[in-house]
PDB file of N, CA and C in Angstrom:
ATOM      1  N   UNK A   1       1.063 -11.227 -15.945  1.00  0.00           N
ATOM      2  CA  UNK A   1       0.816 -10.337 -14.724  1.00  0.00           C
ATOM      3  C   UNK A   1       2.209  -9.500 -14.458  1.00  0.00           C
ATOM      4  N   UNK A   2       2.077  -8.200 -14.233  1.00  0.00           N
ATOM      5  CA  UNK A   2       3.273  -7.422 -13.893  1.00  0.00           C
ATOM      6  C   UNK A   2       3.451  -7.554 -12.368  1.00  0.00           C
ATOM      7  N   UNK A   3       4.691  -7.074 -12.003  1.00  0.00           N
ATOM      8  CA  UNK A   3       5.124  -6.967 -10.581  1.00  0.00           C
ATOM      9  C   UNK A   3       4.893  -5.498 -10.157  1.00  0.00           C
ATOM     10  N   UNK A   4       4.270  -5.271  -9.081  1.00  0.00           N
ATOM     11  CA  UNK A   4       4.290  -3.890  -8.674  1.00  0.00           C
ATOM     12  C   UNK A   4       4.618  -3.734  -7.149  1.00  0.00           C
ATOM     13  N   UNK A   5       4.748  -2.467  -6.772  1.00  0.00           N
ATOM     14  CA  UNK A   5       5.109  -2.300  -5.345  1.00  0.00           C
ATOM     15  C   UNK A   5       4.266  -1.203  -4.979  1.00  0.00           C
ATOM     16  N   UNK A   6       3.677  -1.379  -3.761  1.00  0.00           N
ATOM     17  CA  UNK A   6       2.723  -0.332  -3.223  1.00  0.00           C
ATOM     18  C   UNK A   6       3.206   0.178  -1.753  1.00  0.00           C
ATOM     19  N   UNK A   7       3.322   1.310  -1.603  1.00  0.00           N
ATOM     20  CA  UNK A   7       3.805   1.944  -0.495  1.00  0.00           C
ATOM     21  C   UNK A   7       2.585   2.806  -0.037  1.00  0.00           C
ATOM     22  N   UNK A   8       2.005   2.466   1.083  1.00  0.00           N
ATOM     23  CA  UNK A   8       0.859   3.135   1.536  1.00  0.00           C
ATOM     24  C   UNK A   8       1.271   3.835   2.875  1.00  0.00           C
ATOM     25  N   UNK A   9       0.758   5.060   3.281  1.00  0.00           N
ATOM     26  CA  UNK A   9       0.858   5.618   4.431  1.00  0.00           C
ATOM     27  C   UNK A   9      -0.527   5.851   5.198  1.00  0.00           C
ATOM     28  N   UNK A  10      -0.735   5.093   6.146  1.00  0.00           N
ATOM     29  CA  UNK A  10      -1.884   4.921   6.853  1.00  0.00           C
ATOM     30  C   UNK A  10      -2.079   5.890   8.105  1.00  0.00           C
ATOM     31  N   UNK A  11      -3.061   6.186   8.489  1.00  0.00           N
ATOM     32  CA  UNK A  11      -3.322   7.227   9.702  1.00  0.00           C
ATOM     33  C   UNK A  11      -2.701   6.762  10.848  1.00  0.00           C
ATOM     34  N   UNK A  12      -2.052   7.754  11.576  1.00  0.00           N
ATOM     35  CA  UNK A  12      -1.220   7.129  12.742  1.00  0.00           C
ATOM     36  C   UNK A  12      -2.162   7.003  13.804  1.00  0.00           C
ATOM     37  N   UNK A  13      -3.387   7.574  13.963  1.00  0.00           N
ATOM     38  CA  UNK A  13      -4.215   7.405  14.912  1.00  0.00           C
ATOM     39  C   UNK A  13      -4.851   6.056  15.024  1.00  0.00           C
ATOM     40  N   UNK A  14      -4.678   5.031  14.221  1.00  0.00           N
ATOM     41  CA  UNK A  14      -5.223   3.688  14.339  1.00  0.00           C
ATOM     42  C   UNK A  14      -4.332   3.059  15.178  1.00  0.00           C
ATOM     43  N   UNK A  15      -4.987   2.023  15.885  1.00  0.00           N
ATOM     44  CA  UNK A  15      -4.155   1.119  16.668  1.00  0.00           C
ATOM     45  C   UNK A  15      -3.840  -0.079  15.840  1.00  0.00           C
ATOM     46  N   UNK A  16      -2.828  -0.959  16.452  1.00  0.00           N
ATOM     47  CA  UNK A  16      -2.158  -2.127  15.923  1.00  0.00           C
ATOM     48  C   UNK A  16      -3.314  -2.974  15.156  1.00  0.00           C
ATOM     49  N   UNK A  17      -4.207  -3.214  15.858  1.00  0.00           N
ATOM     50  CA  UNK A  17      -5.177  -4.212  15.436  1.00  0.00           C
ATOM     51  C   UNK A  17      -5.834  -3.615  14.000  1.00  0.00           C
ATOM     52  N   UNK A  18      -6.185  -2.410  14.091  1.00  0.00           N
ATOM     53  CA  UNK A  18      -6.863  -1.822  13.046  1.00  0.00           C
ATOM     54  C   UNK A  18      -5.883  -1.749  11.730  1.00  0.00           C
ATOM     55  N   UNK A  19      -4.760  -1.381  11.994  1.00  0.00           N
ATOM     56  CA  UNK A  19      -3.767  -1.502  10.948  1.00  0.00           C
ATOM     57  C   UNK A  19      -3.550  -2.882  10.313  1.00  0.00           C
ATOM     58  N   UNK A  20      -3.581  -3.745  11.007  1.00  0.00           N
ATOM     59  CA  UNK A  20      -3.470  -5.107  10.518  1.00  0.00           C
ATOM     60  C   UNK A  20      -4.727  -5.465   9.683  1.00  0.00           C
ATOM     61  N   UNK A  21      -5.852  -4.999  10.036  1.00  0.00           N
ATOM     62  CA  UNK A  21      -6.992  -5.222   9.482  1.00  0.00           C
ATOM     63  C   UNK A  21      -7.034  -4.634   7.952  1.00  0.00           C
ATOM     64  N   UNK A  22      -6.568  -3.307   8.021  1.00  0.00           N
ATOM     65  CA  UNK A  22      -6.502  -2.506   6.801  1.00  0.00           C
ATOM     66  C   UNK A  22      -5.667  -3.127   5.842  1.00  0.00           C
ATOM     67  N   UNK A  23      -4.274  -3.619   6.312  1.00  0.00           N
ATOM     68  CA  UNK A  23      -3.345  -4.344   5.350  1.00  0.00           C
ATOM     69  C   UNK A  23      -3.868  -5.561   4.913  1.00  0.00           C
ATOM     70  N   UNK A  24      -4.568  -6.208   5.730  1.00  0.00           N
ATOM     71  CA  UNK A  24      -5.259  -7.590   5.340  1.00  0.00           C
ATOM     72  C   UNK A  24      -6.277  -7.244   4.248  1.00  0.00           C
ATOM     73  N   UNK A  25      -7.064  -6.183   4.536  1.00  0.00           N
ATOM     74  CA  UNK A  25      -8.100  -5.906   3.588  1.00  0.00           C
ATOM     75  C   UNK A  25      -7.480  -5.468   2.098  1.00  0.00           C
ATOM     76  N   UNK A  26      -6.362  -4.847   2.090  1.00  0.00           N
ATOM     77  CA  UNK A  26      -5.616  -4.619   0.987  1.00  0.00           C
ATOM     78  C   UNK A  26      -5.162  -5.864   0.081  1.00  0.00           C
ATOM     79  N   UNK A  27      -4.602  -6.779   1.031  1.00  0.00           N
ATOM     80  CA  UNK A  27      -4.176  -7.996   0.376  1.00  0.00           C
ATOM     81  C   UNK A  27      -5.401  -8.957  -0.166  1.00  0.00           C
ATOM     82  N   UNK A  28      -6.341  -8.865   0.482  1.00  0.00           N
ATOM     83  CA  UNK A  28      -7.429  -9.515   0.140  1.00  0.00           C
ATOM     84  C   UNK A  28      -8.155  -8.792  -1.335  1.00  0.00           C
ATOM     85  N   UNK A  29      -8.278  -7.664  -1.221  1.00  0.00           N
ATOM     86  CA  UNK A  29      -8.503  -6.989  -2.509  1.00  0.00           C
ATOM     87  C   UNK A  29      -7.524  -7.290  -3.677  1.00  0.00           C
ATOM     88  N   UNK A  30      -6.408  -7.547  -3.390  1.00  0.00           N
ATOM     89  CA  UNK A  30      -5.326  -7.876  -4.526  1.00  0.00           C
ATOM     90  C   UNK A  30      -5.672  -9.224  -4.936  1.00  0.00           C
ATOM     91  N   UNK A  31      -6.070 -10.047  -4.075  1.00  0.00           N
ATOM     92  CA  UNK A  31      -6.389 -11.568  -4.317  1.00  0.00           C
ATOM     93  C   UNK A  31      -7.712 -11.544  -5.159  1.00  0.00           C
ATOM     94  N   UNK A  32      -8.601 -10.520  -4.753  1.00  0.00           N
ATOM     95  CA  UNK A  32      -9.829 -10.504  -5.554  1.00  0.00           C
ATOM     96  C   UNK A  32      -9.909 -10.144  -6.944  1.00  0.00           C
ATOM     97  N   UNK A  33      -8.809  -9.419  -7.201  1.00  0.00           N
ATOM     98  CA  UNK A  33      -8.555  -9.056  -8.763  1.00  0.00           C
ATOM     99  C   UNK A  33      -7.568 -10.167  -9.356  1.00  0.00           C
ATOM    100  N   UNK A  34      -7.605 -11.309  -8.857  1.00  0.00           N
ATOM    101  CA  UNK A  34      -6.709 -12.443  -9.385  1.00  0.00           C
ATOM    102  C   UNK A  34      -5.202 -12.302  -9.350  1.00  0.00           C
ATOM    103  N   UNK A  35      -4.736 -11.340  -8.297  1.00  0.00           N
ATOM    104  CA  UNK A  35      -3.340 -11.052  -8.068  1.00  0.00           C
ATOM    105  C   UNK A  35      -2.810 -11.805  -7.053  1.00  0.00           C
ATOM    106  N   UNK A  36      -1.610 -11.645  -6.766  1.00  0.00           N
ATOM    107  CA  UNK A  36      -0.913 -12.328  -5.581  1.00  0.00           C
ATOM    108  C   UNK A  36      -0.030 -11.435  -4.978  1.00  0.00           C
ATOM    109  N   UNK A  37       0.139 -11.607  -3.676  1.00  0.00           N
ATOM    110  CA  UNK A  37       1.061 -10.799  -2.751  1.00  0.00           C
ATOM    111  C   UNK A  37       2.420 -11.530  -2.554  1.00  0.00           C
ATOM    112  N   UNK A  38       3.415 -10.957  -2.957  1.00  0.00           N
ATOM    113  CA  UNK A  38       4.871 -11.627  -2.711  1.00  0.00           C
ATOM    114  C   UNK A  38       5.280 -11.304  -1.317  1.00  0.00           C
ATOM    115  N   UNK A  39       5.080 -10.099  -0.893  1.00  0.00           N
ATOM    116  CA  UNK A  39       5.479  -9.758   0.481  1.00  0.00           C
ATOM    117  C   UNK A  39       4.890  -8.424   1.155  1.00  0.00           C
ATOM    118  N   UNK A  40       4.710  -8.536   2.452  1.00  0.00           N
ATOM    119  CA  UNK A  40       4.112  -7.473   3.074  1.00  0.00           C
ATOM    120  C   UNK A  40       5.223  -7.048   4.151  1.00  0.00           C
ATOM    121  N   UNK A  41       5.630  -5.733   4.226  1.00  0.00           N
ATOM    122  CA  UNK A  41       6.530  -5.218   5.133  1.00  0.00           C
ATOM    123  C   UNK A  41       5.728  -3.964   5.875  1.00  0.00           C
ATOM    124  N   UNK A  42       5.541  -4.150   7.115  1.00  0.00           N
ATOM    125  CA  UNK A  42       4.919  -3.106   7.833  1.00  0.00           C
ATOM    126  C   UNK A  42       6.166  -2.282   8.497  1.00  0.00           C
ATOM    127  N   UNK A  43       6.451  -1.239   7.916  1.00  0.00           N
ATOM    128  CA  UNK A  43       7.711  -0.474   8.128  1.00  0.00           C
ATOM    129  C   UNK A  43       7.614   0.141   9.567  1.00  0.00           C
ATOM    130  N   UNK A  44       6.440   0.604   9.795  1.00  0.00           N
ATOM    131  CA  UNK A  44       6.088   1.356  10.999  1.00  0.00           C
ATOM    132  C   UNK A  44       5.814   2.775  11.004  1.00  0.00           C
ATOM    133  N   UNK A  45       5.756   3.347  12.251  1.00  0.00           N
ATOM    134  CA  UNK A  45       5.416   4.800  12.181  1.00  0.00           C
ATOM    135  C   UNK A  45       6.634   5.790  11.935  1.00  0.00           C
ATOM    136  N   UNK A  46       6.438   6.683  11.169  1.00  0.00           N
ATOM    137  CA  UNK A  46       7.445   7.556  10.590  1.00  0.00           C
ATOM    138  C   UNK A  46       7.051   9.121  10.621  1.00  0.00           C
ATOM    139  N   UNK A  47       7.934   9.973  10.826  1.00  0.00           N
ATOM    140  CA  UNK A  47       7.515  11.536  10.618  1.00  0.00           C
ATOM    141  C   UNK A  47       7.432  11.787   9.261  1.00  0.00           C
ATOM    142  N   UNK A  48       6.392  12.578   8.918  1.00  0.00           N
ATOM    143  CA  UNK A  48       6.283  12.877   7.354  1.00  0.00           C
ATOM    144  C   UNK A  48       6.924  14.318   7.197  1.00  0.00           C
ATOM    145  N   UNK A  49       7.368  14.661   5.905  1.00  0.00           N
ATOM    146  CA  UNK A  49       8.142  15.661   5.456  1.00  0.00           C
ATOM    147  C   UNK A  49       7.208  16.915   5.650  1.00  0.00           C
ATOM    148  N   UNK A  50       5.868  16.986   5.586  1.00  0.00           N
ATOM    149  CA  UNK A  50       4.975  17.962   5.769  1.00  0.00           C
ATOM    150  C   UNK A  50       3.724  17.311   6.148  1.00  0.00           C
ATOM    151  N   UNK A  51       2.853  18.148   6.780  1.00  0.00           N
ATOM    152  CA  UNK A  51       1.418  17.692   7.292  1.00  0.00           C
ATOM    153  C   UNK A  51       0.613  17.180   6.171  1.00  0.00           C
ATOM    154  N   UNK A  52       0.079  16.186   6.218  1.00  0.00           N
ATOM    155  CA  UNK A  52      -0.901  15.444   5.302  1.00  0.00           C
ATOM    156  C   UNK A  52      -2.198  15.285   6.060  1.00  0.00           C
ATOM    157  N   UNK A  53      -3.309  16.011   5.665  1.00  0.00           N
ATOM    158  CA  UNK A  53      -4.591  15.829   6.316  1.00  0.00           C
ATOM    159  C   UNK A  53      -4.505  16.163   7.696  1.00  0.00           C
ATOM    160  N   UNK A  54      -3.454  17.039   8.252  1.00  0.00           N
ATOM    161  CA  UNK A  54      -3.426  17.484   9.693  1.00  0.00           C
ATOM    162  C   UNK A  54      -2.410  16.484  10.450  1.00  0.00           C
ATOM    163  N   UNK A  55      -2.101  15.414   9.753  1.00  0.00           N
ATOM    164  CA  UNK A  55      -1.091  14.614  10.439  1.00  0.00           C
ATOM    165  C   UNK A  55       0.334  14.749  10.291  1.00  0.00           C
ATOM    166  N   UNK A  56       1.154  14.752  11.352  1.00  0.00           N
ATOM    167  CA  UNK A  56       2.544  14.896  11.066  1.00  0.00           C
ATOM    168  C   UNK A  56       3.368  13.470  10.911  1.00  0.00           C
ATOM    169  N   UNK A  57       2.644  12.476  11.402  1.00  0.00           N
ATOM    170  CA  UNK A  57       3.455  11.136  10.990  1.00  0.00           C
ATOM    171  C   UNK A  57       2.278  10.163  10.559  1.00  0.00           C
ATOM    172  N   UNK A  58       2.849   9.067  10.073  1.00  0.00           N
ATOM    173  CA  UNK A  58       2.007   8.370   9.423  1.00  0.00           C
ATOM    174  C   UNK A  58       2.576   6.704   9.611  1.00  0.00           C
ATOM    175  N   UNK A  59       1.804   5.628   9.505  1.00  0.00           N
ATOM    176  CA  UNK A  59       2.338   4.251   9.461  1.00  0.00           C
ATOM    177  C   UNK A  59       2.520   3.868   8.177  1.00  0.00           C
ATOM    178  N   UNK A  60       3.657   3.506   7.683  1.00  0.00           N
ATOM    179  CA  UNK A  60       4.103   3.099   6.375  1.00  0.00           C
ATOM    180  C   UNK A  60       3.935   1.550   6.398  1.00  0.00           C
ATOM    181  N   UNK A  61       3.470   1.076   5.129  1.00  0.00           N
ATOM    182  CA  UNK A  61       3.352  -0.494   4.847  1.00  0.00           C
ATOM    183  C   UNK A  61       3.775  -0.632   3.397  1.00  0.00           C
ATOM    184  N   UNK A  62       4.639  -1.425   3.150  1.00  0.00           N
ATOM    185  CA  UNK A  62       5.122  -1.806   1.754  1.00  0.00           C
ATOM    186  C   UNK A  62       4.663  -3.084   1.217  1.00  0.00           C
ATOM    187  N   UNK A  63       3.980  -3.076   0.159  1.00  0.00           N
ATOM    188  CA  UNK A  63       3.524  -4.432  -0.463  1.00  0.00           C
ATOM    189  C   UNK A  63       3.980  -4.551  -1.688  1.00  0.00           C
ATOM    190  N   UNK A  64       4.506  -5.912  -1.981  1.00  0.00           N
ATOM    191  CA  UNK A  64       5.054  -6.232  -3.276  1.00  0.00           C
ATOM    192  C   UNK A  64       4.022  -7.124  -3.830  1.00  0.00           C
ATOM    193  N   UNK A  65       3.601  -6.928  -4.921  1.00  0.00           N
ATOM    194  CA  UNK A  65       2.438  -7.671  -5.405  1.00  0.00           C
ATOM    195  C   UNK A  65       2.520  -7.792  -7.128  1.00  0.00           C
ATOM    196  N   UNK A  66       1.709  -8.852  -7.535  1.00  0.00           N
ATOM    197  CA  UNK A  66       1.402  -9.113  -8.921  1.00  0.00           C
ATOM    198  C   UNK A  66       0.041  -8.967  -9.219  1.00  0.00           C
ATOM    199  N   UNK A  67      -0.423  -8.218 -10.273  1.00  0.00           N
ATOM    200  CA  UNK A  67      -1.825  -8.076 -10.437  1.00  0.00           C
ATOM    201  C   UNK A  67      -1.928  -7.791 -11.937  1.00  0.00           C
ATOM    202  N   UNK A  68      -3.089  -8.331 -12.587  1.00  0.00           N
ATOM    203  CA  UNK A  68      -3.247  -8.059 -13.967  1.00  0.00           C
ATOM    204  C   UNK A  68      -3.313  -6.642 -14.397  1.00  0.00           C
ATOM    205  N   UNK A  69      -2.748  -6.219 -15.361  1.00  0.00           N
ATOM    206  CA  UNK A  69      -2.525  -4.881 -15.920  1.00  0.00           C
ATOM    207  C   UNK A  69      -4.020  -4.085 -15.967  1.00  0.00           C
ATOM    208  N   UNK A  70      -4.864  -4.904 -16.469  1.00  0.00           N
ATOM    209  CA  UNK A  70      -6.143  -4.214 -16.799  1.00  0.00           C
ATOM    210  C   UNK A  70      -6.984  -3.912 -15.398  1.00  0.00           C
ATOM    211  N   UNK A  71      -6.511  -4.413 -14.403  1.00  0.00           N
ATOM    212  CA  UNK A  71      -7.357  -4.197 -12.997  1.00  0.00           C
ATOM    213  C   UNK A  71      -6.457  -3.163 -12.001  1.00  0.00           C
ATOM    214  N   UNK A  72      -5.392  -2.543 -12.714  1.00  0.00           N
ATOM    215  CA  UNK A  72      -4.619  -1.673 -11.920  1.00  0.00           C
ATOM    216  C   UNK A  72      -5.494  -0.346 -11.651  1.00  0.00           C
ATOM    217  N   UNK A  73      -6.186   0.274 -12.528  1.00  0.00           N
ATOM    218  CA  UNK A  73      -6.955   1.297 -12.451  1.00  0.00           C
ATOM    219  C   UNK A  73      -7.974   1.356 -11.421  1.00  0.00           C
ATOM    220  N   UNK A  74      -8.772   0.208 -11.465  1.00  0.00           N
ATOM    221  CA  UNK A  74      -9.631   0.024 -10.473  1.00  0.00           C
ATOM    222  C   UNK A  74      -9.059  -0.178  -9.052  1.00  0.00           C
ATOM    223  N   UNK A  75      -8.133  -1.006  -9.007  1.00  0.00           N
ATOM    224  CA  UNK A  75      -7.313  -1.222  -7.577  1.00  0.00           C
ATOM    225  C   UNK A  75      -6.930   0.177  -7.110  1.00  0.00           C
ATOM    226  N   UNK A  76      -6.265   0.881  -7.842  1.00  0.00           N
ATOM    227  CA  UNK A  76      -5.979   2.354  -7.636  1.00  0.00           C
ATOM    228  C   UNK A  76      -7.179   3.256  -7.077  1.00  0.00           C
ATOM    229  N   UNK A  77      -8.166   3.161  -7.875  1.00  0.00           N
ATOM    230  CA  UNK A  77      -9.457   3.892  -7.340  1.00  0.00           C
ATOM    231  C   UNK A  77      -9.816   3.488  -6.024  1.00  0.00           C
ATOM    232  N   UNK A  78      -9.961   2.101  -5.648  1.00  0.00           N
ATOM    233  CA  UNK A  78     -10.330   1.669  -4.240  1.00  0.00           C
ATOM    234  C   UNK A  78      -9.458   2.179  -3.271  1.00  0.00           C
ATOM    235  N   UNK A  79      -8.038   2.270  -3.751  1.00  0.00           N
ATOM    236  CA  UNK A  79      -6.980   2.810  -2.623  1.00  0.00           C
ATOM    237  C   UNK A  79      -7.477   4.284  -2.363  1.00  0.00           C
ATOM    238  N   UNK A  80      -7.765   5.105  -3.496  1.00  0.00           N
ATOM    239  CA  UNK A  80      -8.196   6.344  -3.141  1.00  0.00           C
ATOM    240  C   UNK A  80      -9.422   6.541  -2.219  1.00  0.00           C
ATOM    241  N   UNK A  81     -10.308   5.541  -2.330  1.00  0.00           N
ATOM    242  CA  UNK A  81     -11.549   5.673  -1.667  1.00  0.00           C
ATOM    243  C   UNK A  81     -11.348   5.319  -0.196  1.00  0.00           C
ATOM    244  N   UNK A  82     -10.350   4.599   0.376  1.00  0.00           N
ATOM    245  CA  UNK A  82     -10.105   4.132   1.505  1.00  0.00           C
ATOM    246  C   UNK A  82      -9.677   5.229   2.383  1.00  0.00           C
ATOM    247  N   UNK A  83     -10.491   5.579   3.267  1.00  0.00           N
ATOM    248  CA  UNK A  83     -10.142   6.992   4.211  1.00  0.00           C
ATOM    249  C   UNK A  83      -9.100   6.844   5.205  1.00  0.00           C
ATOM    250  N   UNK A  84      -8.652   5.582   5.526  1.00  0.00           N
ATOM    251  CA  UNK A  84      -7.649   5.406   6.195  1.00  0.00           C
ATOM    252  C   UNK A  84      -6.294   5.451   5.537  1.00  0.00           C
ATOM    253  N   UNK A  85      -6.193   5.684   4.199  1.00  0.00           N
ATOM    254  CA  UNK A  85      -4.943   5.751   3.665  1.00  0.00           C
ATOM    255  C   UNK A  85      -4.657   7.221   3.298  1.00  0.00           C
ATOM    256  N   UNK A  86      -3.699   7.780   3.877  1.00  0.00           N
ATOM    257  CA  UNK A  86      -3.370   9.262   3.558  1.00  0.00           C
ATOM    258  C   UNK A  86      -2.731   9.489   2.341  1.00  0.00           C
ATOM    259  N   UNK A  87      -1.704   8.639   2.032  1.00  0.00           N
ATOM    260  CA  UNK A  87      -1.183   8.791   0.637  1.00  0.00           C
ATOM    261  C   UNK A  87      -0.681   7.400   0.287  1.00  0.00           C
ATOM    262  N   UNK A  88      -0.478   7.060  -0.982  1.00  0.00           N
ATOM    263  CA  UNK A  88       0.147   5.953  -1.544  1.00  0.00           C
ATOM    264  C   UNK A  88       0.856   6.205  -2.708  1.00  0.00           C
ATOM    265  N   UNK A  89       1.920   5.316  -2.984  1.00  0.00           N
ATOM    266  CA  UNK A  89       2.631   5.257  -4.159  1.00  0.00           C
ATOM    267  C   UNK A  89       2.605   3.925  -4.759  1.00  0.00           C
ATOM    268  N   UNK A  90       2.129   3.847  -6.085  1.00  0.00           N
ATOM    269  CA  UNK A  90       1.978   2.456  -6.709  1.00  0.00           C
ATOM    270  C   UNK A  90       2.747   2.610  -7.922  1.00  0.00           C
ATOM    271  N   UNK A  91       3.818   1.636  -7.873  1.00  0.00           N
ATOM    272  CA  UNK A  91       4.738   1.736  -8.998  1.00  0.00           C
ATOM    273  C   UNK A  91       5.026   0.281  -9.580  1.00  0.00           C
ATOM    274  N   UNK A  92       5.358   0.116 -10.912  1.00  0.00           N
ATOM    275  CA  UNK A  92       5.777  -1.024 -11.412  1.00  0.00           C
ATOM    276  C   UNK A  92       7.098  -1.269 -10.959  1.00  0.00           C
ATOM    277  N   UNK A  93       7.498  -2.490 -10.633  1.00  0.00           N
ATOM    278  CA  UNK A  93       8.786  -3.034 -10.061  1.00  0.00           C
ATOM    279  C   UNK A  93       9.655  -3.039 -11.292  1.00  0.00           C
ATOM    280  N   UNK A  94      10.878  -2.375 -11.110  1.00  0.00           N
ATOM    281  CA  UNK A  94      11.793  -2.538 -12.312  1.00  0.00           C
ATOM    282  C   UNK A  94      13.073  -3.445 -11.907  1.00  0.00           C
ATOM    283  N   UNK A  95      13.244  -4.332 -13.051  1.00  0.00           N
ATOM    284  CA  UNK A  95      14.299  -5.251 -12.986  1.00  0.00           C
ATOM    285  C   UNK A  95      15.897  -4.595 -12.609  1.00  0.00           C
ATOM    286  N   UNK A  96      15.899  -3.461 -13.400  1.00  0.00           N
ATOM    287  CA  UNK A  96      17.071  -2.546 -13.231  1.00  0.00           C
ATOM    288  C   UNK A  96      17.438  -1.883 -11.790  1.00  0.00           C
ATOM    289  N   UNK A  97      16.256  -1.773 -11.069  1.00  0.00           N
ATOM    290  CA  UNK A  97      16.460  -1.016  -9.853  1.00  0.00           C
ATOM    291  C   UNK A  97      16.820  -1.978  -8.662  1.00  0.00           C
ATOM    292  N   UNK A  98      16.913  -3.287  -9.021  1.00  0.00           N
ATOM    293  CA  UNK A  98      17.121  -4.239  -7.936  1.00  0.00           C
ATOM    294  C   UNK A  98      18.479  -4.096  -7.395  1.00  0.00           C
ATOM    295  N   UNK A  99      18.829  -4.174  -6.258  1.00  0.00           N
ATOM    296  CA  UNK A  99      20.236  -4.056  -5.710  1.00  0.00           C
ATOM    297  C   UNK A  99      20.806  -5.387  -5.660  1.00  0.00           C
ATOM    298  N   UNK A 100      21.958  -5.501  -6.227  1.00  0.00           N
ATOM    299  CA  UNK A 100      22.751  -6.787  -6.201  1.00  0.00           C
ATOM    300  C   UNK A 100      23.561  -7.004  -4.942  1.00  0.00           C
TER     301      UNK A 100
END
């Protein structure tokens, strides 16, 4: 399994309880693909550089995970289908990029 990092921007109109449920749903989905979650960092609400779907800010969440490579395409497809996620960035974690 490879290590990945997911940065998701969620709708700012959601309350704290709903945001927690969405992040929990994402982590449960990772586990359903026989993956594991190393860390979840709820960064908080930040202003966006430009409007995304009419929103000027969003709630940022960063999840470090490992998941089998053959399930990545299906996982990304499910992220696109989630209407509460405005944007996401899913990238492979690089050993060179780690700060010493």
